[in-house]
Amino acid sequence: MKQKMLIKVNMNTDKSRSKALKTVVGLYGVESAALQGNEKDQLEVVGEGVDSVVLTTLLRKYVGYADLISLGPVPEKKPEPPAAVVAAMQATPEMPVWVYQYPTINQPYVYDVRDSTDSICSIM
């Protein structure tokens, strides 16, 4: 299940922002990472199987102060088909599909009957 994490990190310079992004993206399971907030001091991380505690600990180790703000599942969006496709599907009626069913024919069994008066040798 995909998770969305919002982590506040003390990032004042571009160098610290790039270092934080490299740290986050290098972790296994991270699908996307983005900077958010007015001062670009929050990281939004989306991934599957990402441990939020490990991620926050790594950011504290390599960048500085880091605080986990929120953690939750990612709402899945179903893509809606374009309006033109929906209108075209409703406008054209579906043609019925006719499947010809072949009748089943019972085939007779054929048995090989031998007379007992014939010779024992079957080759001759």
PDB file of N, CA and C in Angstrom:
ATOM      1  N   MET A   1       0.842  -1.169   0.000  1.00  0.00           N
ATOM      2  CA  MET A   1       0.000   0.000   0.000  1.00  0.00           C
ATOM      3  C   MET A   1       0.892   1.239   0.000  1.00  0.00           C
ATOM      4  N   LYS A   2       0.574   2.181  -0.869  1.00  0.00           N
ATOM      5  CA  LYS A   2       1.354   3.399  -0.966  1.00  0.00           C
ATOM      6  C   LYS A   2       1.077   4.299   0.227  1.00  0.00           C
ATOM      7  N   GLN A   3       2.133   4.966   0.692  1.00  0.00           N
ATOM      8  CA  GLN A   3       2.026   5.890   1.804  1.00  0.00           C
ATOM      9  C   GLN A   3       2.504   7.263   1.367  1.00  0.00           C
ATOM     10  N   LYS A   4       1.917   8.275   1.977  1.00  0.00           N
ATOM     11  CA  LYS A   4       2.323   9.649   1.724  1.00  0.00           C
ATOM     12  C   LYS A   4       2.794  10.223   3.052  1.00  0.00           C
ATOM     13  N   MET A   5       4.048  10.703   3.084  1.00  0.00           N
ATOM     14  CA  MET A   5       4.633  11.252   4.302  1.00  0.00           C
ATOM     15  C   MET A   5       4.990  12.710   4.075  1.00  0.00           C
ATOM     16  N   LEU A   6       4.775  13.506   5.081  1.00  0.00           N
ATOM     17  CA  LEU A   6       5.165  14.913   5.053  1.00  0.00           C
ATOM     18  C   LEU A   6       6.141  15.126   6.195  1.00  0.00           C
ATOM     19  N   ILE A   7       7.374  15.521   5.862  1.00  0.00           N
ATOM     20  CA  ILE A   7       8.446  15.657   6.838  1.00  0.00           C
ATOM     21  C   ILE A   7       8.977  17.084   6.782  1.00  0.00           C
ATOM     22  N   LYS A   8       9.024  17.730   7.939  1.00  0.00           N
ATOM     23  CA  LYS A   8       9.589  19.073   8.012  1.00  0.00           C
ATOM     24  C   LYS A   8      11.068  18.939   8.324  1.00  0.00           C
ATOM     25  N   VAL A   9      11.900  19.526   7.469  1.00  0.00           N
ATOM     26  CA  VAL A   9      13.350  19.423   7.592  1.00  0.00           C
ATOM     27  C   VAL A   9      13.925  20.829   7.607  1.00  0.00           C
ATOM     28  N   ASN A  10      14.952  21.040   8.425  1.00  0.00           N
ATOM     29  CA  ASN A  10      15.611  22.334   8.500  1.00  0.00           C
ATOM     30  C   ASN A  10      16.537  22.483   7.291  1.00  0.00           C
ATOM     31  N   MET A  11      16.025  23.107   6.224  1.00  0.00           N
ATOM     32  CA  MET A  11      16.801  23.292   4.995  1.00  0.00           C
ATOM     33  C   MET A  11      16.831  24.780   4.675  1.00  0.00           C
ATOM     34  N   ASN A  12      17.991  25.392   4.828  1.00  0.00           N
ATOM     35  CA  ASN A  12      18.117  26.826   4.578  1.00  0.00           C
ATOM     36  C   ASN A  12      18.729  27.127   3.223  1.00  0.00           C
ATOM     37  N   THR A  13      19.592  26.275   2.741  1.00  0.00           N
ATOM     38  CA  THR A  13      20.296  26.525   1.489  1.00  0.00           C
ATOM     39  C   THR A  13      19.910  25.488   0.441  1.00  0.00           C
ATOM     40  N   ASP A  14      20.288  25.793  -0.785  1.00  0.00           N
ATOM     41  CA  ASP A  14      20.032  24.853  -1.884  1.00  0.00           C
ATOM     42  C   ASP A  14      20.840  23.564  -1.705  1.00  0.00           C
ATOM     43  N   LYS A  15      22.022  23.697  -1.115  1.00  0.00           N
ATOM     44  CA  LYS A  15      22.856  22.525  -0.889  1.00  0.00           C
ATOM     45  C   LYS A  15      22.185  21.557   0.083  1.00  0.00           C
ATOM     46  N   SER A  16      21.592  22.073   1.142  1.00  0.00           N
ATOM     47  CA  SER A  16      20.919  21.197   2.107  1.00  0.00           C
ATOM     48  C   SER A  16      19.641  20.596   1.515  1.00  0.00           C
ATOM     49  N   ARG A  17      18.962  21.335   0.629  1.00  0.00           N
ATOM     50  CA  ARG A  17      17.767  20.796  -0.037  1.00  0.00           C
ATOM     51  C   ARG A  17      18.138  19.636  -0.957  1.00  0.00           C
ATOM     52  N   SER A  18      19.192  19.815  -1.728  1.00  0.00           N
ATOM     53  CA  SER A  18      19.613  18.744  -2.636  1.00  0.00           C
ATOM     54  C   SER A  18      20.123  17.537  -1.852  1.00  0.00           C
ATOM     55  N   LYS A  19      20.785  17.775  -0.736  1.00  0.00           N
ATOM     56  CA  LYS A  19      21.261  16.675   0.096  1.00  0.00           C
ATOM     57  C   LYS A  19      20.092  15.900   0.691  1.00  0.00           C
ATOM     58  N   ALA A  20      19.047  16.617   1.114  1.00  0.00           N
ATOM     59  CA  ALA A  20      17.863  15.956   1.663  1.00  0.00           C
ATOM     60  C   ALA A  20      17.150  15.141   0.595  1.00  0.00           C
ATOM     61  N   LEU A  21      17.011  15.703  -0.600  1.00  0.00           N
ATOM     62  CA  LEU A  21      16.349  14.982  -1.690  1.00  0.00           C
ATOM     63  C   LEU A  21      17.145  13.745  -2.099  1.00  0.00           C
ATOM     64  N   LYS A  22      18.470  13.842  -2.147  1.00  0.00           N
ATOM     65  CA  LYS A  22      19.297  12.682  -2.479  1.00  0.00           C
ATOM     66  C   LYS A  22      19.149  11.591  -1.430  1.00  0.00           C
ATOM     67  N   THR A  23      19.062  12.001  -0.166  1.00  0.00           N
ATOM     68  CA  THR A  23      18.905  11.028   0.918  1.00  0.00           C
ATOM     69  C   THR A  23      17.568  10.313   0.809  1.00  0.00           C
ATOM     70  N   VAL A  24      16.518  11.062   0.516  1.00  0.00           N
ATOM     71  CA  VAL A  24      15.166  10.482   0.441  1.00  0.00           C
ATOM     72  C   VAL A  24      15.029   9.568  -0.769  1.00  0.00           C
ATOM     73  N   VAL A  25      15.492  10.026  -1.911  1.00  0.00           N
ATOM     74  CA  VAL A  25      15.316   9.257  -3.152  1.00  0.00           C
ATOM     75  C   VAL A  25      16.173   7.993  -3.143  1.00  0.00           C
ATOM     76  N   GLY A  26      17.272   7.988  -2.396  1.00  0.00           N
ATOM     77  CA  GLY A  26      18.145   6.823  -2.335  1.00  0.00           C
ATOM     78  C   GLY A  26      17.573   5.676  -1.513  1.00  0.00           C
ATOM     79  N   LEU A  27      16.502   5.922  -0.783  1.00  0.00           N
ATOM     80  CA  LEU A  27      15.914   4.889   0.057  1.00  0.00           C
ATOM     81  C   LEU A  27      15.032   3.968  -0.781  1.00  0.00           C
ATOM     82  N   TYR A  28      15.079   2.666  -0.478  1.00  0.00           N
ATOM     83  CA  TYR A  28      14.315   1.672  -1.235  1.00  0.00           C
ATOM     84  C   TYR A  28      12.811   1.879  -1.051  1.00  0.00           C
ATOM     85  N   GLY A  29      12.049   1.863  -2.132  1.00  0.00           N
ATOM     86  CA  GLY A  29      10.598   1.956  -2.086  1.00  0.00           C
ATOM     87  C   GLY A  29      10.053   3.344  -2.327  1.00  0.00           C
ATOM     88  N   VAL A  30      10.896   4.360  -2.365  1.00  0.00           N
ATOM     89  CA  VAL A  30      10.434   5.735  -2.588  1.00  0.00           C
ATOM     90  C   VAL A  30      10.137   5.918  -4.065  1.00  0.00           C
ATOM     91  N   GLU A  31       8.917   6.364  -4.366  1.00  0.00           N
ATOM     92  CA  GLU A  31       8.516   6.591  -5.756  1.00  0.00           C
ATOM     93  C   GLU A  31       8.659   8.044  -6.168  1.00  0.00           C
ATOM     94  N   SER A  32       8.363   8.973  -5.254  1.00  0.00           N
ATOM     95  CA  SER A  32       8.512  10.387  -5.588  1.00  0.00           C
ATOM     96  C   SER A  32       8.792  11.183  -4.325  1.00  0.00           C
ATOM     97  N   ALA A  33       9.482  12.299  -4.525  1.00  0.00           N
ATOM     98  CA  ALA A  33       9.789  13.212  -3.429  1.00  0.00           C
ATOM     99  C   ALA A  33       9.681  14.626  -3.979  1.00  0.00           C
ATOM    100  N   ALA A  34       9.085  15.517  -3.184  1.00  0.00           N
ATOM    101  CA  ALA A  34       8.904  16.893  -3.634  1.00  0.00           C
ATOM    102  C   ALA A  34       9.037  17.836  -2.449  1.00  0.00           C
ATOM    103  N   LEU A  35       9.490  19.066  -2.749  1.00  0.00           N
ATOM    104  CA  LEU A  35       9.576  20.111  -1.738  1.00  0.00           C
ATOM    105  C   LEU A  35       8.253  20.844  -1.672  1.00  0.00           C
ATOM    106  N   GLN A  36       7.813  21.160  -0.459  1.00  0.00           N
ATOM    107  CA  GLN A  36       6.559  21.877  -0.280  1.00  0.00           C
ATOM    108  C   GLN A  36       6.743  22.956   0.767  1.00  0.00           C
ATOM    109  N   GLY A  37       5.706  23.752   0.935  1.00  0.00           N
ATOM    110  CA  GLY A  37       5.725  24.803   1.952  1.00  0.00           C
ATOM    111  C   GLY A  37       6.163  26.120   1.354  1.00  0.00           C
ATOM    112  N   ASN A  38       5.918  27.181   2.105  1.00  0.00           N
ATOM    113  CA  ASN A  38       6.291  28.518   1.633  1.00  0.00           C
ATOM    114  C   ASN A  38       7.800  28.684   1.540  1.00  0.00           C
ATOM    115  N   GLU A  39       8.521  28.133   2.493  1.00  0.00           N
ATOM    116  CA  GLU A  39       9.972  28.269   2.516  1.00  0.00           C
ATOM    117  C   GLU A  39      10.680  27.042   1.951  1.00  0.00           C
ATOM    118  N   LYS A  40       9.930  26.145   1.336  1.00  0.00           N
ATOM    119  CA  LYS A  40      10.468  24.890   0.780  1.00  0.00           C
ATOM    120  C   LYS A  40      11.224  24.103   1.851  1.00  0.00           C
ATOM    121  N   ASP A  41      10.607  24.003   3.031  1.00  0.00           N
ATOM    122  CA  ASP A  41      11.242  23.301   4.132  1.00  0.00           C
ATOM    123  C   ASP A  41      10.522  22.009   4.502  1.00  0.00           C
ATOM    124  N   GLN A  42       9.605  21.567   3.654  1.00  0.00           N
ATOM    125  CA  GLN A  42       8.877  20.328   3.896  1.00  0.00           C
ATOM    126  C   GLN A  42       9.079  19.387   2.720  1.00  0.00           C
ATOM    127  N   LEU A  43       9.277  18.111   3.038  1.00  0.00           N
ATOM    128  CA  LEU A  43       9.431  17.081   2.018  1.00  0.00           C
ATOM    129  C   LEU A  43       8.178  16.222   1.975  1.00  0.00           C
ATOM    130  N   GLU A  44       7.604  16.059   0.781  1.00  0.00           N
ATOM    131  CA  GLU A  44       6.484  15.145   0.595  1.00  0.00           C
ATOM    132  C   GLU A  44       7.035  13.902  -0.094  1.00  0.00           C
ATOM    133  N   VAL A  45       6.953  12.776   0.588  1.00  0.00           N
ATOM    134  CA  VAL A  45       7.517  11.526   0.082  1.00  0.00           C
ATOM    135  C   VAL A  45       6.386  10.536  -0.141  1.00  0.00           C
ATOM    136  N   VAL A  46       6.317   9.957  -1.341  1.00  0.00           N
ATOM    137  CA  VAL A  46       5.326   8.941  -1.676  1.00  0.00           C
ATOM    138  C   VAL A  46       6.080   7.673  -2.033  1.00  0.00           C
ATOM    139  N   GLY A  47       5.664   6.554  -1.403  1.00  0.00           N
ATOM    140  CA  GLY A  47       6.330   5.303  -1.694  1.00  0.00           C
ATOM    141  C   GLY A  47       5.598   4.133  -1.083  1.00  0.00           C
ATOM    142  N   GLU A  48       6.062   2.960  -1.446  1.00  0.00           N
ATOM    143  CA  GLU A  48       5.456   1.730  -0.952  1.00  0.00           C
ATOM    144  C   GLU A  48       6.499   0.965  -0.142  1.00  0.00           C
ATOM    145  N   GLY A  49       6.155   0.661   1.095  1.00  0.00           N
ATOM    146  CA  GLY A  49       7.061  -0.080   1.961  1.00  0.00           C
ATOM    147  C   GLY A  49       8.178   0.768   2.538  1.00  0.00           C
ATOM    148  N   VAL A  50       7.981   2.074   2.616  1.00  0.00           N
ATOM    149  CA  VAL A  50       8.995   2.967   3.158  1.00  0.00           C
ATOM    150  C   VAL A  50       8.746   3.120   4.654  1.00  0.00           C
ATOM    151  N   ASP A  51       9.787   2.923   5.450  1.00  0.00           N
ATOM    152  CA  ASP A  51       9.667   3.089   6.897  1.00  0.00           C
ATOM    153  C   ASP A  51       9.885   4.559   7.231  1.00  0.00           C
ATOM    154  N   SER A  52       8.872   5.190   7.804  1.00  0.00           N
ATOM    155  CA  SER A  52       8.944   6.622   8.082  1.00  0.00           C
ATOM    156  C   SER A  52       9.954   6.946   9.178  1.00  0.00           C
ATOM    157  N   VAL A  53      10.114   6.048  10.143  1.00  0.00           N
ATOM    158  CA  VAL A  53      11.066   6.284  11.230  1.00  0.00           C
ATOM    159  C   VAL A  53      12.496   6.239  10.693  1.00  0.00           C
ATOM    160  N   VAL A  54      12.786   5.269   9.844  1.00  0.00           N
ATOM    161  CA  VAL A  54      14.120   5.156   9.253  1.00  0.00           C
ATOM    162  C   VAL A  54      14.416   6.374   8.386  1.00  0.00           C
ATOM    163  N   LEU A  55      13.438   6.822   7.627  1.00  0.00           N
ATOM    164  CA  LEU A  55      13.613   7.981   6.761  1.00  0.00           C
ATOM    165  C   LEU A  55      13.886   9.241   7.577  1.00  0.00           C
ATOM    166  N   THR A  56      13.129   9.443   8.639  1.00  0.00           N
ATOM    167  CA  THR A  56      13.332  10.617   9.489  1.00  0.00           C
ATOM    168  C   THR A  56      14.693  10.562  10.175  1.00  0.00           C
ATOM    169  N   THR A  57      15.106   9.380  10.614  1.00  0.00           N
ATOM    170  CA  THR A  57      16.413   9.225  11.257  1.00  0.00           C
ATOM    171  C   THR A  57      17.545   9.537  10.278  1.00  0.00           C
ATOM    172  N   LEU A  58      17.427   9.072   9.037  1.00  0.00           N
ATOM    173  CA  LEU A  58      18.442   9.374   8.027  1.00  0.00           C
ATOM    174  C   LEU A  58      18.522  10.869   7.741  1.00  0.00           C
ATOM    175  N   LEU A  59      17.375  11.522   7.660  1.00  0.00           N
ATOM    176  CA  LEU A  59      17.387  12.970   7.419  1.00  0.00           C
ATOM    177  C   LEU A  59      18.017  13.710   8.591  1.00  0.00           C
ATOM    178  N   ARG A  60      17.748  13.262   9.819  1.00  0.00           N
ATOM    179  CA  ARG A  60      18.376  13.901  10.983  1.00  0.00           C
ATOM    180  C   ARG A  60      19.891  13.705  10.962  1.00  0.00           C
ATOM    181  N   LYS A  61      20.320  12.541  10.492  1.00  0.00           N
ATOM    182  CA  LYS A  61      21.749  12.227  10.467  1.00  0.00           C
ATOM    183  C   LYS A  61      22.492  13.050   9.415  1.00  0.00           C
ATOM    184  N   TYR A  62      21.929  13.155   8.208  1.00  0.00           N
ATOM    185  CA  TYR A  62      22.651  13.780   7.104  1.00  0.00           C
ATOM    186  C   TYR A  62      22.324  15.254   6.885  1.00  0.00           C
ATOM    187  N   VAL A  63      21.133  15.714   7.268  1.00  0.00           N
ATOM    188  CA  VAL A  63      20.749  17.087   6.961  1.00  0.00           C
ATOM    189  C   VAL A  63      20.663  17.935   8.219  1.00  0.00           C
ATOM    190  N   GLY A  64      19.979  17.453   9.223  1.00  0.00           N
ATOM    191  CA  GLY A  64      19.787  18.236  10.445  1.00  0.00           C
ATOM    192  C   GLY A  64      18.438  17.902  11.046  1.00  0.00           C
ATOM    193  N   TYR A  65      17.821  18.885  11.663  1.00  0.00           N
ATOM    194  CA  TYR A  65      16.531  18.692  12.319  1.00  0.00           C
ATOM    195  C   TYR A  65      15.479  18.203  11.327  1.00  0.00           C
ATOM    196  N   ALA A  66      14.748  17.138  11.695  1.00  0.00           N
ATOM    197  CA  ALA A  66      13.670  16.597  10.864  1.00  0.00           C
ATOM    198  C   ALA A  66      12.538  16.144  11.772  1.00  0.00           C
ATOM    199  N   ASP A  67      11.322  16.468  11.376  1.00  0.00           N
ATOM    200  CA  ASP A  67      10.146  16.136  12.176  1.00  0.00           C
ATOM    201  C   ASP A  67       9.069  15.573  11.249  1.00  0.00           C
ATOM    202  N   LEU A  68       8.518  14.423  11.603  1.00  0.00           N
ATOM    203  CA  LEU A  68       7.464  13.790  10.816  1.00  0.00           C
ATOM    204  C   LEU A  68       6.143  14.486  11.122  1.00  0.00           C
ATOM    205  N   ILE A  69       5.544  15.133  10.124  1.00  0.00           N
ATOM    206  CA  ILE A  69       4.305  15.889  10.318  1.00  0.00           C
ATOM    207  C   ILE A  69       3.083  15.012  10.115  1.00  0.00           C
ATOM    208  N   SER A  70       3.027  14.310   8.993  1.00  0.00           N
ATOM    209  CA  SER A  70       1.852  13.470   8.728  1.00  0.00           C
ATOM    210  C   SER A  70       2.256  12.223   7.956  1.00  0.00           C
ATOM    211  N   LEU A  71       1.421  11.207   8.122  1.00  0.00           N
ATOM    212  CA  LEU A  71       1.636   9.925   7.459  1.00  0.00           C
ATOM    213  C   LEU A  71       0.275   9.328   7.169  1.00  0.00           C
ATOM    214  N   GLY A  72       0.039   8.934   5.928  1.00  0.00           N
ATOM    215  CA  GLY A  72      -1.252   8.359   5.581  1.00  0.00           C
ATOM    216  C   GLY A  72      -1.217   7.691   4.224  1.00  0.00           C
ATOM    217  N   PRO A  73      -2.294   6.958   3.904  1.00  0.00           N
ATOM    218  CA  PRO A  73      -2.342   6.292   2.595  1.00  0.00           C
ATOM    219  C   PRO A  73      -2.603   7.295   1.480  1.00  0.00           C
ATOM    220  N   VAL A  74      -2.157   6.928   0.301  1.00  0.00           N
ATOM    221  CA  VAL A  74      -2.372   7.764  -0.885  1.00  0.00           C
ATOM    222  C   VAL A  74      -3.728   7.412  -1.468  1.00  0.00           C
ATOM    223  N   PRO A  75      -4.620   8.390  -1.637  1.00  0.00           N
ATOM    224  CA  PRO A  75      -5.909   8.080  -2.270  1.00  0.00           C
ATOM    225  C   PRO A  75      -5.692   7.761  -3.747  1.00  0.00           C
ATOM    226  N   GLU A  76      -6.277   6.646  -4.176  1.00  0.00           N
ATOM    227  CA  GLU A  76      -6.094   6.235  -5.567  1.00  0.00           C
ATOM    228  C   GLU A  76      -7.147   6.896  -6.436  1.00  0.00           C
ATOM    229  N   LYS A  77      -6.691   7.465  -7.526  1.00  0.00           N
ATOM    230  CA  LYS A  77      -7.591   8.117  -8.470  1.00  0.00           C
ATOM    231  C   LYS A  77      -7.824   7.187  -9.654  1.00  0.00           C
ATOM    232  N   LYS A  78      -9.091   7.064 -10.014  1.00  0.00           N
ATOM    233  CA  LYS A  78      -9.420   6.300 -11.212  1.00  0.00           C
ATOM    234  C   LYS A  78      -9.497   7.287 -12.371  1.00  0.00           C
ATOM    235  N   PRO A  79      -8.741   7.028 -13.423  1.00  0.00           N
ATOM    236  CA  PRO A  79      -8.775   7.962 -14.545  1.00  0.00           C
ATOM    237  C   PRO A  79     -10.130   7.903 -15.252  1.00  0.00           C
ATOM    238  N   GLU A  80     -10.711   9.063 -15.446  1.00  0.00           N
ATOM    239  CA  GLU A  80     -11.989   9.137 -16.149  1.00  0.00           C
ATOM    240  C   GLU A  80     -11.734   9.218 -17.646  1.00  0.00           C
ATOM    241  N   PRO A  81     -12.499   8.482 -18.439  1.00  0.00           N
ATOM    242  CA  PRO A  81     -12.308   8.570 -19.889  1.00  0.00           C
ATOM    243  C   PRO A  81     -12.754   9.943 -20.391  1.00  0.00           C
ATOM    244  N   PRO A  82     -12.162  10.414 -21.468  1.00  0.00           N
ATOM    245  CA  PRO A  82     -12.554  11.715 -22.011  1.00  0.00           C
ATOM    246  C   PRO A  82     -14.030  11.734 -22.410  1.00  0.00           C
ATOM    247  N   ALA A  83     -14.605  12.923 -22.414  1.00  0.00           N
ATOM    248  CA  ALA A  83     -16.028  13.074 -22.699  1.00  0.00           C
ATOM    249  C   ALA A  83     -16.366  12.613 -24.122  1.00  0.00           C
ATOM    250  N   ALA A  84     -15.460  12.794 -25.072  1.00  0.00           N
ATOM    251  CA  ALA A  84     -15.718  12.382 -26.447  1.00  0.00           C
ATOM    252  C   ALA A  84     -15.846  10.865 -26.551  1.00  0.00           C
ATOM    253  N   VAL A  85     -15.022  10.150 -25.816  1.00  0.00           N
ATOM    254  CA  VAL A  85     -15.069   8.687 -25.847  1.00  0.00           C
ATOM    255  C   VAL A  85     -16.361   8.196 -25.198  1.00  0.00           C
ATOM    256  N   VAL A  86     -16.757   8.812 -24.102  1.00  0.00           N
ATOM    257  CA  VAL A  86     -17.990   8.419 -23.424  1.00  0.00           C
ATOM    258  C   VAL A  86     -19.202   8.681 -24.317  1.00  0.00           C
ATOM    259  N   ALA A  87     -19.215   9.819 -25.003  1.00  0.00           N
ATOM    260  CA  ALA A  87     -20.326  10.143 -25.897  1.00  0.00           C
ATOM    261  C   ALA A  87     -20.372   9.174 -27.079  1.00  0.00           C
ATOM    262  N   ALA A  88     -19.212   8.803 -27.600  1.00  0.00           N
ATOM    263  CA  ALA A  88     -19.170   7.876 -28.726  1.00  0.00           C
ATOM    264  C   ALA A  88     -19.630   6.486 -28.306  1.00  0.00           C
ATOM    265  N   MET A  89     -19.319   6.089 -27.092  1.00  0.00           N
ATOM    266  CA  MET A  89     -19.751   4.783 -26.616  1.00  0.00           C
ATOM    267  C   MET A  89     -21.259   4.744 -26.417  1.00  0.00           C
ATOM    268  N   GLN A  90     -21.837   5.837 -25.988  1.00  0.00           N
ATOM    269  CA  GLN A  90     -23.271   5.875 -25.768  1.00  0.00           C
ATOM    270  C   GLN A  90     -24.037   6.028 -27.081  1.00  0.00           C
ATOM    271  N   ALA A  91     -23.440   6.653 -28.091  1.00  0.00           N
ATOM    272  CA  ALA A  91     -24.127   6.915 -29.344  1.00  0.00           C
ATOM    273  C   ALA A  91     -24.227   5.675 -30.227  1.00  0.00           C
ATOM    274  N   THR A  92     -23.228   4.841 -30.252  1.00  0.00           N
ATOM    275  CA  THR A  92     -23.250   3.679 -31.132  1.00  0.00           C
ATOM    276  C   THR A  92     -23.841   2.483 -30.392  1.00  0.00           C
ATOM    277  N   PRO A  93     -24.907   1.906 -30.953  1.00  0.00           N
ATOM    278  CA  PRO A  93     -25.473   0.715 -30.304  1.00  0.00           C
ATOM    279  C   PRO A  93     -24.573  -0.493 -30.565  1.00  0.00           C
ATOM    280  N   GLU A  94     -24.564  -1.385 -29.639  1.00  0.00           N
ATOM    281  CA  GLU A  94     -23.748  -2.582 -29.789  1.00  0.00           C
ATOM    282  C   GLU A  94     -24.478  -3.591 -30.661  1.00  0.00           C
ATOM    283  N   MET A  95     -23.737  -4.177 -31.574  1.00  0.00           N
ATOM    284  CA  MET A  95     -24.301  -5.192 -32.450  1.00  0.00           C
ATOM    285  C   MET A  95     -24.308  -6.523 -31.710  1.00  0.00           C
ATOM    286  N   PRO A  96     -25.401  -7.282 -31.841  1.00  0.00           N
ATOM    287  CA  PRO A  96     -25.413  -8.581 -31.166  1.00  0.00           C
ATOM    288  C   PRO A  96     -24.443  -9.542 -31.852  1.00  0.00           C
ATOM    289  N   VAL A  97     -23.840 -10.360 -31.080  1.00  0.00           N
ATOM    290  CA  VAL A  97     -22.878 -11.329 -31.589  1.00  0.00           C
ATOM    291  C   VAL A  97     -23.585 -12.678 -31.657  1.00  0.00           C
ATOM    292  N   TRP A  98     -23.618 -13.248 -32.867  1.00  0.00           N
ATOM    293  CA  TRP A  98     -24.268 -14.541 -33.062  1.00  0.00           C
ATOM    294  C   TRP A  98     -23.202 -15.598 -33.122  1.00  0.00           C
ATOM    295  N   VAL A  99     -23.343 -16.578 -32.290  1.00  0.00           N
ATOM    296  CA  VAL A  99     -22.401 -17.687 -32.263  1.00  0.00           C
ATOM    297  C   VAL A  99     -23.152 -18.925 -32.721  1.00  0.00           C
ATOM    298  N   TYR A 100     -22.646 -19.532 -33.798  1.00  0.00           N
ATOM    299  CA  TYR A 100     -23.304 -20.718 -34.323  1.00  0.00           C
ATOM    300  C   TYR A 100     -22.885 -21.905 -33.489  1.00  0.00           C
ATOM    301  N   GLN A 101     -23.839 -22.637 -33.010  1.00  0.00           N
ATOM    302  CA  GLN A 101     -23.566 -23.822 -32.207  1.00  0.00           C
ATOM    303  C   GLN A 101     -23.747 -25.052 -33.091  1.00  0.00           C
ATOM    304  N   TYR A 102     -22.677 -25.774 -33.278  1.00  0.00           N
ATOM    305  CA  TYR A 102     -22.745 -26.985 -34.077  1.00  0.00           C
ATOM    306  C   TYR A 102     -23.458 -28.071 -33.285  1.00  0.00           C
ATOM    307  N   PRO A 103     -24.356 -28.826 -33.962  1.00  0.00           N
ATOM    308  CA  PRO A 103     -25.028 -29.899 -33.229  1.00  0.00           C
ATOM    309  C   PRO A 103     -24.035 -31.022 -32.928  1.00  0.00           C
ATOM    310  N   THR A 104     -24.211 -31.634 -31.812  1.00  0.00           N
ATOM    311  CA  THR A 104     -23.330 -32.744 -31.458  1.00  0.00           C
ATOM    312  C   THR A 104     -23.825 -34.012 -32.140  1.00  0.00           C
ATOM    313  N   ILE A 105     -22.916 -34.722 -32.722  1.00  0.00           N
ATOM    314  CA  ILE A 105     -23.248 -35.953 -33.428  1.00  0.00           C
ATOM    315  C   ILE A 105     -22.639 -37.104 -32.646  1.00  0.00           C
ATOM    316  N   ASN A 106     -23.479 -38.023 -32.249  1.00  0.00           N
ATOM    317  CA  ASN A 106     -22.987 -39.203 -31.548  1.00  0.00           C
ATOM    318  C   ASN A 106     -22.430 -40.184 -32.570  1.00  0.00           C
ATOM    319  N   GLN A 107     -21.172 -40.467 -32.437  1.00  0.00           N
ATOM    320  CA  GLN A 107     -20.545 -41.376 -33.386  1.00  0.00           C
ATOM    321  C   GLN A 107     -20.638 -42.795 -32.839  1.00  0.00           C
ATOM    322  N   PRO A 108     -20.969 -43.740 -33.734  1.00  0.00           N
ATOM    323  CA  PRO A 108     -21.081 -45.124 -33.264  1.00  0.00           C
ATOM    324  C   PRO A 108     -19.697 -45.703 -32.974  1.00  0.00           C
ATOM    325  N   TYR A 109     -19.666 -46.611 -32.030  1.00  0.00           N
ATOM    326  CA  TYR A 109     -18.425 -47.302 -31.707  1.00  0.00           C
ATOM    327  C   TYR A 109     -18.204 -48.421 -32.713  1.00  0.00           C
ATOM    328  N   VAL A 110     -16.973 -48.612 -33.114  1.00  0.00           N
ATOM    329  CA  VAL A 110     -16.613 -49.665 -34.059  1.00  0.00           C
ATOM    330  C   VAL A 110     -15.764 -50.681 -33.300  1.00  0.00           C
ATOM    331  N   TYR A 111     -16.243 -51.918 -33.321  1.00  0.00           N
ATOM    332  CA  TYR A 111     -15.529 -52.993 -32.655  1.00  0.00           C
ATOM    333  C   TYR A 111     -15.019 -53.967 -33.706  1.00  0.00           C
ATOM    334  N   ASP A 112     -13.843 -54.475 -33.498  1.00  0.00           N
ATOM    335  CA  ASP A 112     -13.268 -55.465 -34.394  1.00  0.00           C
ATOM    336  C   ASP A 112     -13.654 -56.852 -33.859  1.00  0.00           C
ATOM    337  N   VAL A 113     -14.466 -57.568 -34.641  1.00  0.00           N
ATOM    338  CA  VAL A 113     -14.935 -58.892 -34.221  1.00  0.00           C
ATOM    339  C   VAL A 113     -14.170 -59.935 -35.021  1.00  0.00           C
ATOM    340  N   ARG A 114     -13.601 -60.928 -34.339  1.00  0.00           N
ATOM    341  CA  ARG A 114     -12.846 -61.992 -34.995  1.00  0.00           C
ATOM    342  C   ARG A 114     -13.559 -63.318 -34.773  1.00  0.00           C
ATOM    343  N   ASP A 115     -13.520 -64.104 -35.787  1.00  0.00           N
ATOM    344  CA  ASP A 115     -14.073 -65.455 -35.648  1.00  0.00           C
ATOM    345  C   ASP A 115     -13.068 -66.324 -34.924  1.00  0.00           C
ATOM    346  N   SER A 116     -13.566 -67.183 -34.140  1.00  0.00           N
ATOM    347  CA  SER A 116     -12.674 -68.100 -33.422  1.00  0.00           C
ATOM    348  C   SER A 116     -12.164 -69.207 -34.352  1.00  0.00           C
ATOM    349  N   THR A 117     -12.745 -69.340 -35.539  1.00  0.00           N
ATOM    350  CA  THR A 117     -12.331 -70.395 -36.479  1.00  0.00           C
ATOM    351  C   THR A 117     -11.093 -69.964 -37.270  1.00  0.00           C
ATOM    352  N   ASP A 118     -10.774 -68.714 -37.241  1.00  0.00           N
ATOM    353  CA  ASP A 118      -9.588 -68.241 -37.976  1.00  0.00           C
ATOM    354  C   ASP A 118      -8.338 -68.776 -37.316  1.00  0.00           C
ATOM    355  N   SER A 119      -7.286 -68.676 -38.030  1.00  0.00           N
ATOM    356  CA  SER A 119      -6.016 -69.151 -37.475  1.00  0.00           C
ATOM    357  C   SER A 119      -5.562 -68.232 -36.327  1.00  0.00           C
ATOM    358  N   ILE A 120      -4.716 -68.736 -35.540  1.00  0.00           N
ATOM    359  CA  ILE A 120      -4.243 -67.994 -34.367  1.00  0.00           C
ATOM    360  C   ILE A 120      -3.303 -66.890 -34.796  1.00  0.00           C
ATOM    361  N   CYS A 121      -2.624 -67.042 -35.875  1.00  0.00           N
ATOM    362  CA  CYS A 121      -1.669 -66.054 -36.341  1.00  0.00           C
ATOM    363  C   CYS A 121      -2.433 -64.874 -36.944  1.00  0.00           C
ATOM    364  N   SER A 122      -2.184 -63.679 -36.447  1.00  0.00           N
ATOM    365  CA  SER A 122      -2.908 -62.520 -36.936  1.00  0.00           C
ATOM    366  C   SER A 122      -2.226 -61.870 -38.125  1.00  0.00           C
ATOM    367  N   ILE A 123      -0.983 -62.283 -38.440  1.00  0.00           N
ATOM    368  CA  ILE A 123      -0.274 -61.694 -39.554  1.00  0.00           C
ATOM    369  C   ILE A 123      -0.788 -62.225 -40.869  1.00  0.00           C
ATOM    370  N   MET A 124      -1.139 -63.477 -40.929  1.00  0.00           N
ATOM    371  CA  MET A 124      -1.590 -64.065 -42.190  1.00  0.00           C
ATOM    372  C   MET A 124      -3.009 -63.809 -42.466  1.00  0.00           C
TER     373      MET A 124
END
